[in-house]
Amino acid sequence: MAVTDLDETKKKSLRSDFDEAVNMSASQLDKWLKTDESKSVGQTKDGDSESIGHKSGHRIIDILNKKASDLSDDDYHHMEKVVSYVKRHLAQRPDEVANSNWSYSLKNWGHDPEKK
């Protein structure tokens, strides 16, 4: 789904996909992002000390704390990136999930793969 030209139907669908992909609450994600494990994974852009996924986690918290009516097109664009990342990453599930970099990275993007 292209983020440009978002009508209400597309926005609703994207919110649903985002809610499915992000299974951590804003407070759970905030607590996670403060851990050393969270800060130990992910790729960084040149000159950045914070990983792309860690930055995304902060952005996800902002999105989770907004009402649907207050979400901007930029928010929807990030939600689409989150959904895509989580889907791709889940397809690469390792044999050992607990305490893995794979799991840590997913959590930075708001998805706890061990959550029931």
Protein backbone atom coordinates (compact mmCIF):
# COMPACT_ATOMS: atom_id res chain seq x y z
CA MET A 1 0.00 0.00 0.00
CA ALA A 2 1.47 3.32 -1.02
CA VAL A 3 1.31 5.96 1.65
CA THR A 4 0.47 8.67 -0.84
CA ASP A 5 -3.20 9.27 -1.46
CA LEU A 6 -4.41 7.71 1.78
CA ASP A 7 -8.17 7.57 1.95
CA GLU A 8 -10.03 6.59 5.11
CA THR A 9 -10.31 2.94 4.03
CA LYS A 10 -6.54 2.65 3.53
CA LYS A 11 -5.86 4.43 6.82
CA LYS A 12 -8.19 2.08 8.68
CA SER A 13 -6.53 -0.95 7.09
CA LEU A 14 -3.06 0.33 7.94
CA ARG A 15 -4.08 1.05 11.55
CA SER A 16 -5.37 -2.52 11.81
CA ASP A 17 -2.13 -3.96 10.38
CA PHE A 18 -0.11 -1.73 12.71
CA ASP A 19 -2.15 -2.81 15.75
CA GLU A 20 -1.52 -6.44 14.80
CA ALA A 21 2.23 -5.94 14.27
CA VAL A 22 2.81 -3.85 17.40
CA ASN A 23 1.89 -6.05 20.35
CA MET A 24 3.62 -3.96 23.02
CA SER A 25 1.98 -1.05 24.81
CA ALA A 26 3.60 2.38 24.80
CA SER A 27 4.73 1.88 28.41
CA GLN A 28 6.13 -1.62 27.71
CA LEU A 29 8.04 -0.31 24.70
CA ASP A 30 9.33 2.71 26.61
CA LYS A 31 10.61 0.45 29.40
CA TRP A 32 12.25 -1.88 26.84
CA LEU A 33 13.97 0.96 24.96
CA LYS A 34 15.77 1.95 28.19
CA THR A 35 17.50 -1.45 28.48
CA ASP A 36 21.07 -2.23 27.42
CA GLU A 37 19.72 -5.12 25.32
CA SER A 38 17.58 -2.73 23.31
CA LYS A 39 20.52 -0.43 22.68
CA SER A 40 22.82 -3.33 21.72
CA VAL A 41 21.17 -4.20 18.38
CA GLY A 42 20.39 -2.63 15.06
CA GLN A 43 22.01 -0.72 12.28
CA THR A 44 22.95 2.93 12.61
CA LYS A 45 23.16 5.56 9.92
CA ASP A 46 26.49 7.30 9.49
CA GLY A 47 27.03 9.76 12.31
CA ASP A 48 24.17 8.43 14.47
CA SER A 49 24.73 6.78 17.81
CA GLU A 50 21.16 5.43 18.02
CA SER A 51 20.07 2.55 15.78
CA ILE A 52 17.30 2.92 13.22
CA GLY A 53 15.11 0.44 15.13
CA HIS A 54 15.67 2.19 18.45
CA LYS A 55 14.62 5.51 16.90
CA SER A 56 11.63 3.76 15.39
CA GLY A 57 10.62 2.53 18.85
CA HIS A 58 10.41 6.11 20.12
CA ARG A 59 8.34 7.07 17.08
CA ILE A 60 6.02 4.10 17.69
CA ILE A 61 5.44 5.29 21.27
CA ASP A 62 4.41 8.70 19.91
CA ILE A 63 2.01 7.05 17.45
CA LEU A 64 0.52 4.77 20.13
CA ASN A 65 -0.15 7.81 22.32
CA LYS A 66 -2.12 9.61 19.60
CA LYS A 67 -5.79 9.34 18.75
CA ALA A 68 -6.44 7.96 15.26
CA SER A 69 -7.87 11.33 14.25
CA ASP A 70 -4.58 13.03 15.20
CA LEU A 71 -2.32 10.79 13.08
CA SER A 72 -0.49 12.59 10.28
CA ASP A 73 0.38 11.22 6.85
CA ASP A 74 3.95 10.99 8.14
CA ASP A 75 2.70 8.85 11.04
CA TYR A 76 0.95 6.55 8.57
CA HIS A 77 4.14 6.33 6.53
CA HIS A 78 6.04 5.19 9.64
CA MET A 79 3.27 2.74 10.55
CA GLU A 80 3.64 1.21 7.09
CA LYS A 81 7.42 0.84 7.63
CA VAL A 82 6.80 -0.85 11.00
CA VAL A 83 4.31 -3.33 9.54
CA SER A 84 6.69 -4.17 6.70
CA TYR A 85 9.69 -4.58 9.03
CA VAL A 86 7.84 -6.83 11.49
CA LYS A 87 6.47 -9.05 8.71
CA ARG A 88 9.91 -9.44 7.08
CA HIS A 89 11.65 -10.05 10.39
CA LEU A 90 9.11 -12.64 11.60
CA ALA A 91 9.77 -14.64 8.42
CA GLN A 92 13.42 -15.00 9.53
CA ARG A 93 12.63 -16.58 12.90
CA PRO A 94 15.69 -18.34 14.38
CA ASP A 95 15.63 -21.64 16.27
CA GLU A 96 16.46 -19.88 19.54
CA VAL A 97 14.28 -16.81 20.11
CA ALA A 98 14.86 -15.99 23.79
CA ASN A 99 17.59 -13.41 24.38
CA SER A 100 18.47 -13.29 20.68
CA ASN A 101 19.43 -10.21 18.70
CA TRP A 102 16.51 -11.13 16.43
CA SER A 103 14.09 -10.84 19.35
CA TYR A 104 15.72 -7.64 20.65
CA SER A 105 15.46 -6.02 17.24
CA LEU A 106 11.78 -6.91 16.88
CA LYS A 107 11.05 -5.49 20.31
CA ASN A 108 12.66 -2.19 19.25
CA TRP A 109 10.02 -2.12 16.51
CA GLY A 110 7.23 -2.76 19.03
CA HIS A 111 6.76 -6.49 18.53
CA ASP A 112 7.56 -8.96 21.31
CA PRO A 113 7.83 -12.38 19.62
CA GLU A 114 7.56 -14.19 22.94
CA LYS A 115 4.32 -12.48 23.97
CA LYS A 116 1.30 -14.75 24.00
